[in-house]
Amino acid sequence: MREYCLLLCLKTLNLLMRSVLIIILIPLLSGCADITYYWHSAKGHLAIMHKREPIDDLIDDPELDKKLKQRLELIREIRQFSIDQLALTDSGSYTDFAQLDRPYALQNLFATPEFSTKLLSWCYPVAGCTTYRGYYEQQRLNKFVKQLEIEGNEIYIVRVPAYSTLGWFDDPVLSSFIHWPEFRLAGLLFHELTHQRIYIDDDSKFNESLASAVQQVGTQLWLNHRQQIDQLDQFNRSLSYRGDVVLLIESARNQLAELYHSELDDEDKRRQKQAIFQTSRQRYEDISTAHNYRDGFAKWFASELNNAKLASVSTYHALIPSFVAMINAHDNDFEAFFDYVEKIGVLDKEQRDLCLLAWQVGNILQDGQCLS
């Protein structure tokens, strides 16, 4: 289960649409080239928003497809659960439905240099920096990919079923995910709504791991609440399997980082890089066999591997154990948990990373230790 969210400079877009002054100032801050990207993002997002229909009205329509009606009713229950039990934002998000003309909302691009495990980032006025860049238009994406490849970067592109605007707009339910299995549907809403509750500028790994942790624990609580024992068993199996796969990917990234910092020439680095990828594929097969479980990672490992592909997984999963440990320490009191996370979020980046590492390795002895 892998969902992606994207701010897409929508804070900036909101200001662009509301104020002529911002239109004048942004070229001075970011250069005219990115203005076209902002307008492309605005156009793509507003096209989706234009398709919205209120869920309550759709449910009341006697001609609505019964299967879709059931899913929309389920969405309402999941959304209310997120507010009542997970302390997530009671906004206008997920109260509308939009039928798209394709099975995804947009495409996310991740990129790294050939000999680096660190994702490139892009920074925008007001919105801050992210380690991915979203595109609604294929032609525009292709043009940017070509530019990055000419510069020697490695590219990974993911089709995104949903994204968050952090409360700047009321995000709709999309046809791209409405018919997902219940545990995936609930998890996606918990993930995206977490971004509306807390979002730290310039720290994609913090934001995505936090949302993924709330998604994980929230889904378990939801399935227990619904007494969906079979789906809960399936979900827990997937967590165990996915945890081992993420550890494998992190191990490969560590090996690559060590290789890239070595004194070997570029050709030797390329050969050893491919050997690391091949070993990772073989180890993945061992994990899949041991868990008797296969999902999207089977195709993921079977296709081309590169730095950007591995790093994209780290962004969404690396800090999940830290945040899950915090949730457990707060006895699933999500209001208290979010209050604590907000305090961590205002620390400088070095202190924040040390705090999260302490939670990950179990060195936190009391709630306030990171903040003392």
Protein backbone atom coordinates (compact mmCIF):
# COMPACT_ATOMS: atom_id res chain seq x y z
CA MET A 1 0.00 0.00 0.00
CA ARG A 2 1.66 3.12 -1.14
CA GLU A 3 0.00 6.51 -1.37
CA TYR A 4 1.60 9.71 -2.27
CA CYS A 5 0.61 13.26 -1.38
CA LEU A 6 1.84 16.51 -2.82
CA LEU A 7 1.58 20.15 -1.86
CA LEU A 8 2.39 21.20 -5.44
CA CYS A 9 3.05 24.78 -4.47
CA LEU A 10 -0.66 25.26 -3.79
CA LYS A 11 0.00 27.75 -1.03
CA THR A 12 1.76 29.84 -3.63
CA LEU A 13 -0.96 29.17 -6.18
CA ASN A 14 -3.61 30.29 -3.76
CA LEU A 15 -1.82 33.58 -3.31
CA LEU A 16 -1.21 33.89 -7.02
CA MET A 17 -4.89 33.61 -7.72
CA ARG A 18 -5.83 36.06 -4.98
CA SER A 19 -3.26 38.78 -5.31
CA VAL A 20 -1.76 40.62 -8.25
CA LEU A 21 1.07 41.66 -5.93
CA ILE A 22 2.23 38.06 -5.55
CA ILE A 23 2.22 37.64 -9.33
CA ILE A 24 4.61 40.55 -9.49
CA LEU A 25 6.84 39.37 -6.65
CA ILE A 26 7.24 35.66 -7.40
CA PRO A 27 9.35 36.09 -10.56
CA LEU A 28 11.79 38.07 -8.42
CA LEU A 29 11.93 35.22 -5.90
CA SER A 30 12.01 32.16 -8.09
CA GLY A 31 12.61 33.04 -11.70
CA CYS A 32 10.10 33.17 -14.53
CA ALA A 33 10.62 29.52 -15.49
CA ASP A 34 8.83 28.24 -12.39
CA ILE A 35 5.89 30.57 -12.93
CA THR A 36 4.80 28.35 -15.82
CA TYR A 37 5.03 25.34 -13.50
CA TYR A 38 2.83 27.09 -10.91
CA TRP A 39 0.19 27.90 -13.49
CA HIS A 40 0.32 24.34 -14.83
CA SER A 41 -0.26 23.11 -11.26
CA ALA A 42 -3.09 25.59 -10.74
CA LYS A 43 -4.74 24.57 -13.99
CA GLY A 44 -4.47 20.84 -13.21
CA HIS A 45 -5.74 21.18 -9.67
CA LEU A 46 -8.62 23.49 -10.56
CA ALA A 47 -9.68 21.09 -13.33
CA ILE A 48 -10.11 18.42 -10.66
CA MET A 49 -11.89 20.81 -8.32
CA HIS A 50 -14.30 21.71 -11.11
CA LYS A 51 -15.46 18.07 -11.26
CA ARG A 52 -16.55 18.02 -7.59
CA GLU A 53 -20.05 17.01 -6.52
CA PRO A 54 -21.22 17.01 -2.88
CA ILE A 55 -21.21 13.49 -1.47
CA ASP A 56 -24.43 14.10 0.48
CA ASP A 57 -26.24 15.09 -2.73
CA LEU A 58 -24.90 12.07 -4.58
CA ILE A 59 -26.00 9.68 -1.83
CA ASP A 60 -29.49 11.20 -1.92
CA ASP A 61 -29.72 10.65 -5.68
CA PRO A 62 -31.91 7.54 -6.25
CA GLU A 63 -30.25 6.96 -9.63
CA LEU A 64 -26.72 6.76 -8.23
CA ASP A 65 -24.94 3.45 -8.82
CA LYS A 66 -25.44 1.31 -5.67
CA LYS A 67 -21.79 0.30 -5.45
CA LEU A 68 -20.63 3.91 -5.63
CA LYS A 69 -23.24 4.92 -3.05
CA GLN A 70 -21.93 2.29 -0.62
CA ARG A 71 -18.38 3.52 -1.08
CA LEU A 72 -19.37 7.15 -0.51
CA GLU A 73 -21.24 6.16 2.66
CA LEU A 74 -18.12 4.33 3.80
CA ILE A 75 -16.05 7.46 3.10
CA ARG A 76 -18.33 9.47 5.39
CA GLU A 77 -17.85 6.95 8.18
CA ILE A 78 -14.05 6.85 7.75
CA ARG A 79 -13.86 10.64 7.72
CA GLN A 80 -15.91 10.94 10.92
CA PHE A 81 -13.76 8.26 12.58
CA SER A 82 -10.63 10.24 11.69
CA ILE A 83 -12.07 13.27 13.47
CA ASP A 84 -13.47 11.49 16.52
CA GLN A 85 -10.70 8.93 17.14
CA LEU A 86 -7.54 10.23 15.44
CA ALA A 87 -7.90 13.97 16.19
CA LEU A 88 -7.58 14.77 12.49
CA THR A 89 -8.82 17.98 10.94
CA ASP A 90 -12.57 18.54 10.63
CA SER A 91 -12.34 20.45 7.36
CA GLY A 92 -14.38 20.36 4.19
CA SER A 93 -12.03 17.77 2.69
CA TYR A 94 -13.53 14.49 1.47
CA THR A 95 -17.07 15.81 1.50
CA ASP A 96 -17.12 15.98 -2.33
CA PHE A 97 -16.49 13.41 -5.04
CA ALA A 98 -14.76 13.95 -8.40
CA GLN A 99 -14.84 11.53 -11.32
CA LEU A 100 -11.53 11.69 -13.19
CA ASP A 101 -10.88 10.66 -16.77
CA ARG A 102 -7.81 8.60 -15.81
CA PRO A 103 -6.84 6.20 -12.98
CA TYR A 104 -4.52 8.69 -11.24
CA ALA A 105 -4.57 12.36 -10.26
CA LEU A 106 -1.06 13.32 -11.33
CA GLN A 107 2.48 11.98 -11.57
CA ASN A 108 5.27 12.53 -9.05
CA LEU A 109 8.87 12.81 -10.17
CA PHE A 110 11.81 11.86 -7.93
CA ALA A 111 15.40 12.42 -9.02
CA THR A 112 18.96 11.90 -7.79
CA PRO A 113 22.46 12.35 -9.24
CA GLU A 114 24.03 9.16 -10.60
CA PHE A 115 26.31 8.74 -7.59
CA SER A 116 24.11 9.95 -4.75
CA THR A 117 21.38 8.50 -2.56
CA LYS A 118 19.98 11.95 -1.76
CA LEU A 119 16.91 13.13 -3.63
CA LEU A 120 16.98 16.45 -5.41
CA SER A 121 14.62 19.03 -3.93
CA TRP A 122 12.73 21.97 -5.33
CA CYS A 123 11.87 25.06 -3.31
CA TYR A 124 9.00 27.44 -3.84
CA PRO A 125 7.93 30.74 -2.32
CA VAL A 126 5.66 30.22 0.71
CA ALA A 127 5.32 26.47 0.10
CA GLY A 128 8.88 25.55 1.09
CA CYS A 129 10.93 22.67 -0.33
CA THR A 130 9.91 19.14 -1.35
CA THR A 131 11.88 16.16 -2.65
CA TYR A 132 9.38 15.44 -5.38
CA ARG A 133 7.71 17.42 -8.13
CA GLY A 134 4.19 16.78 -9.41
CA TYR A 135 2.87 16.98 -12.95
CA TYR A 136 -0.63 16.89 -14.37
CA GLU A 137 0.55 17.16 -17.98
CA GLN A 138 2.57 14.38 -19.64
CA GLN A 139 4.28 16.65 -22.14
CA ARG A 140 5.52 19.01 -19.44
CA LEU A 141 6.75 16.05 -17.37
CA ASN A 142 8.60 14.56 -20.35
CA LYS A 143 10.34 17.86 -21.01
CA PHE A 144 11.54 18.14 -17.41
CA VAL A 145 12.70 14.50 -17.37
CA LYS A 146 14.77 15.11 -20.48
CA GLN A 147 16.38 18.15 -18.88
CA LEU A 148 17.26 16.20 -15.71
CA GLU A 149 18.65 13.26 -17.66
CA ILE A 150 20.87 15.56 -19.74
CA GLU A 151 22.28 16.79 -16.43
CA GLY A 152 23.12 13.17 -15.51
CA ASN A 153 20.34 12.49 -13.01
CA GLU A 154 18.38 9.30 -12.40
CA ILE A 155 14.59 9.53 -12.51
CA TYR A 156 11.71 7.68 -10.90
CA ILE A 157 8.09 8.53 -11.75
CA VAL A 158 5.03 7.42 -9.81
CA ARG A 159 1.37 7.77 -10.72
CA VAL A 160 -0.38 9.36 -7.75
CA PRO A 161 -4.00 8.47 -6.89
CA ALA A 162 -4.41 11.31 -4.35
CA TYR A 163 -2.63 14.29 -2.84
CA SER A 164 -3.12 16.81 -0.07
CA THR A 165 -3.41 20.60 -0.38
CA LEU A 166 -2.81 20.95 3.38
CA GLY A 167 -6.21 22.52 3.95
CA TRP A 168 -5.75 25.35 1.45
CA PHE A 169 -8.51 23.69 -0.57
CA ASP A 170 -11.19 21.14 0.35
CA ASP A 171 -9.69 17.98 -1.15
CA PRO A 172 -12.28 15.76 -2.86
CA VAL A 173 -12.62 12.00 -2.90
CA LEU A 174 -11.38 10.86 -6.32
CA SER A 175 -12.47 8.05 -8.61
CA SER A 176 -8.79 7.01 -8.71
CA PHE A 177 -9.09 5.41 -5.25
CA ILE A 178 -12.80 5.19 -4.33
CA HIS A 179 -13.02 1.45 -5.08
CA TRP A 180 -9.88 0.42 -3.21
CA PRO A 181 -10.18 -2.25 -0.49
CA GLU A 182 -11.53 -0.78 2.72
CA PHE A 183 -8.25 -0.85 4.66
CA ARG A 184 -6.42 0.94 1.85
CA LEU A 185 -9.19 3.50 1.47
CA ALA A 186 -9.20 4.29 5.18
CA GLY A 187 -5.41 4.45 5.27
CA LEU A 188 -5.25 6.90 2.39
CA LEU A 189 -7.70 9.32 4.05
CA PHE A 190 -5.85 9.11 7.38
CA HIS A 191 -2.56 9.78 5.56
CA GLU A 192 -3.77 12.80 3.62
CA LEU A 193 -5.68 14.33 6.54
CA THR A 194 -2.55 14.07 8.70
CA HIS A 195 -0.87 16.51 6.34
CA GLN A 196 -3.62 19.00 7.09
CA ARG A 197 -2.98 18.60 10.83
CA ILE A 198 0.83 18.92 10.74
CA TYR A 199 3.19 19.86 7.91
CA ILE A 200 6.81 20.95 8.46
CA ASP A 201 8.32 23.04 5.67
CA ASP A 202 11.39 21.61 3.94
CA ASP A 203 11.26 18.14 5.55
CA SER A 204 9.53 15.63 3.25
CA LYS A 205 10.78 12.60 5.19
CA PHE A 206 9.30 13.94 8.45
CA ASN A 207 5.96 14.78 6.83
CA GLU A 208 5.52 11.58 4.87
CA SER A 209 6.70 9.23 7.61
CA LEU A 210 4.40 10.96 10.10
CA ALA A 211 1.43 10.58 7.76
CA SER A 212 2.34 6.96 7.05
CA ALA A 213 2.56 6.19 10.78
CA VAL A 214 -0.89 7.68 11.45
CA GLN A 215 -2.12 5.77 8.42
CA GLN A 216 -0.73 2.52 9.84
CA VAL A 217 -2.03 2.82 13.39
CA GLY A 218 -5.27 4.49 12.30
CA THR A 219 -6.03 1.66 9.87
CA GLN A 220 -5.53 -0.93 12.60
CA LEU A 221 -7.89 0.98 14.91
CA TRP A 222 -10.45 1.40 12.14
CA LEU A 223 -10.48 -2.30 11.26
CA ASN A 224 -10.81 -3.19 14.94
CA HIS A 225 -13.65 -0.70 15.24
CA ARG A 226 -15.39 -2.32 12.28
CA GLN A 227 -14.51 -5.83 13.49
CA GLN A 228 -12.99 -6.57 10.10
CA ILE A 229 -10.83 -9.39 11.42
CA ASP A 230 -9.94 -10.86 8.04
CA GLN A 231 -8.82 -7.50 6.65
CA LEU A 232 -6.94 -6.75 9.89
CA ASP A 233 -5.01 -10.02 9.56
CA GLN A 234 -4.25 -9.22 5.93
CA PHE A 235 -3.16 -5.70 6.85
CA ASN A 236 -0.87 -6.86 9.67
CA ARG A 237 0.71 -9.44 7.36
CA SER A 238 1.37 -6.71 4.83
CA LEU A 239 2.98 -4.53 7.54
CA SER A 240 5.39 -7.29 8.56
CA TYR A 241 6.31 -8.00 4.95
CA ARG A 242 6.63 -4.33 4.06
CA GLY A 243 8.78 -3.65 7.13
CA ASP A 244 11.31 -6.24 5.99
CA VAL A 245 11.28 -4.88 2.44
CA VAL A 246 11.91 -1.32 3.66
CA LEU A 247 14.84 -2.55 5.78
CA LEU A 248 16.23 -4.24 2.67
CA ILE A 249 15.93 -1.03 0.67
CA GLU A 250 17.57 1.02 3.43
CA SER A 251 20.41 -1.51 3.58
CA ALA A 252 20.94 -1.17 -0.18
CA ARG A 253 20.93 2.64 0.12
CA ASN A 254 23.56 2.48 2.86
CA GLN A 255 25.75 0.25 0.71
CA LEU A 256 25.35 2.61 -2.21
CA ALA A 257 26.22 5.64 -0.08
CA GLU A 258 29.41 3.91 1.06
CA LEU A 259 30.24 2.99 -2.53
CA TYR A 260 29.70 6.53 -3.82
CA HIS A 261 32.03 7.95 -1.16
CA SER A 262 34.79 5.47 -2.04
CA GLU A 263 37.88 6.22 -4.13
CA LEU A 264 36.82 3.87 -6.95
CA ASP A 265 36.60 5.25 -10.46
CA ASP A 266 33.17 5.81 -12.03
CA GLU A 267 33.14 2.60 -14.07
CA ASP A 268 33.89 0.46 -11.01
CA LYS A 269 31.17 2.30 -9.10
CA ARG A 270 28.68 1.57 -11.87
CA ARG A 271 29.55 -2.15 -11.86
CA GLN A 272 29.29 -2.48 -8.10
CA LYS A 273 26.10 -0.43 -8.08
CA GLN A 274 24.43 -2.93 -10.39
CA ALA A 275 25.73 -5.80 -8.25
CA ILE A 276 24.05 -4.23 -5.19
CA PHE A 277 20.79 -3.94 -7.13
CA GLN A 278 20.98 -7.57 -8.23
CA THR A 279 21.66 -8.78 -4.69
CA SER A 280 18.70 -6.72 -3.46
CA ARG A 281 16.43 -8.42 -6.00
CA GLN A 282 17.55 -11.83 -4.78
CA ARG A 283 17.03 -10.88 -1.14
CA TYR A 284 13.60 -9.53 -1.96
CA GLU A 285 12.62 -12.93 -3.34
CA ASP A 286 13.74 -14.50 -0.06
CA ILE A 287 11.59 -12.04 1.91
CA SER A 288 8.58 -12.61 -0.30
CA THR A 289 8.92 -16.37 0.05
CA ALA A 290 9.40 -16.21 3.82
CA HIS A 291 6.24 -14.11 4.25
CA ASN A 292 4.35 -15.92 1.49
CA TYR A 293 3.29 -12.46 0.41
CA ARG A 294 3.60 -10.48 -2.80
CA ASP A 295 2.28 -7.05 -3.70
CA GLY A 296 3.44 -4.05 -5.71
CA PHE A 297 7.03 -4.56 -4.60
CA ALA A 298 7.28 -7.67 -6.80
CA LYS A 299 6.95 -5.53 -9.94
CA TRP A 300 8.94 -2.77 -8.25
CA PHE A 301 12.02 -4.99 -7.86
CA ALA A 302 11.52 -6.68 -11.23
CA SER A 303 11.78 -3.38 -13.08
CA GLU A 304 14.80 -1.09 -13.28
CA LEU A 305 16.29 0.01 -9.96
CA ASN A 306 18.07 3.31 -9.41
CA ASN A 307 18.95 5.75 -6.64
CA ALA A 308 15.79 7.81 -7.02
CA LYS A 309 13.56 4.74 -6.81
CA LEU A 310 15.13 3.56 -3.56
CA ALA A 311 15.18 7.04 -2.05
CA SER A 312 11.47 7.55 -2.76
CA VAL A 313 10.65 4.62 -0.46
CA SER A 314 12.85 6.01 2.29
CA THR A 315 10.96 9.32 2.19
CA TYR A 316 7.69 7.62 3.07
CA HIS A 317 8.87 4.91 5.45
CA ALA A 318 12.20 5.66 7.15
CA LEU A 319 10.78 7.37 10.25
CA ILE A 320 7.57 5.38 10.68
CA PRO A 321 8.94 3.40 13.69
CA SER A 322 9.72 6.68 15.50
CA PHE A 323 6.21 8.04 15.11
CA VAL A 324 4.53 4.72 15.89
CA ALA A 325 6.57 4.55 19.10
CA MET A 326 5.32 8.04 20.00
CA ILE A 327 1.71 7.03 19.37
CA ASN A 328 2.14 3.98 21.58
CA ALA A 329 3.80 6.06 24.29
CA HIS A 330 0.74 8.33 24.28
CA ASP A 331 -1.61 5.32 24.54
CA ASN A 332 -3.28 6.19 21.23
CA ASP A 333 -4.26 9.62 22.53
CA PHE A 334 -3.82 11.32 19.16
CA GLU A 335 -4.51 14.82 20.43
CA ALA A 336 -1.61 14.49 22.89
CA PHE A 337 0.50 12.79 20.23
CA PHE A 338 0.01 15.61 17.71
CA ASP A 339 0.73 18.22 20.37
CA TYR A 340 4.03 16.48 21.05
CA VAL A 341 4.88 16.15 17.35
CA GLU A 342 4.22 19.86 16.84
CA LYS A 343 6.82 20.61 19.53
CA ILE A 344 9.34 18.37 17.77
CA GLY A 345 8.50 20.07 14.50
CA VAL A 346 9.68 23.48 15.69
CA LEU A 347 13.12 22.16 16.67
CA ASP A 348 15.93 22.89 14.25
CA LYS A 349 16.55 20.12 11.72
CA GLU A 350 19.55 18.61 13.54
CA GLN A 351 17.75 18.44 16.89
CA ARG A 352 14.62 17.08 15.22
CA ASP A 353 16.54 14.31 13.49
CA LEU A 354 18.32 13.33 16.73
CA CYS A 355 15.00 13.21 18.55
CA LEU A 356 13.43 10.97 15.90
CA LEU A 357 16.46 8.70 15.93
CA ALA A 358 16.20 8.38 19.72
CA TRP A 359 12.57 7.30 19.39
CA GLN A 360 13.48 4.85 16.64
CA VAL A 361 16.14 3.05 18.67
CA GLY A 362 14.13 3.13 21.90
CA ASN A 363 16.26 5.61 23.83
CA ILE A 364 13.37 7.83 24.88
CA LEU A 365 12.79 7.32 28.60
CA GLN A 366 10.12 9.94 29.12
CA ASP A 367 7.77 12.06 27.06
CA GLY A 368 9.68 15.31 27.30
CA GLN A 369 13.22 14.00 26.86
CA CYS A 370 13.64 15.31 23.30
CA LEU A 371 12.42 18.72 24.32
CA SER A 372 14.43 19.18 27.50
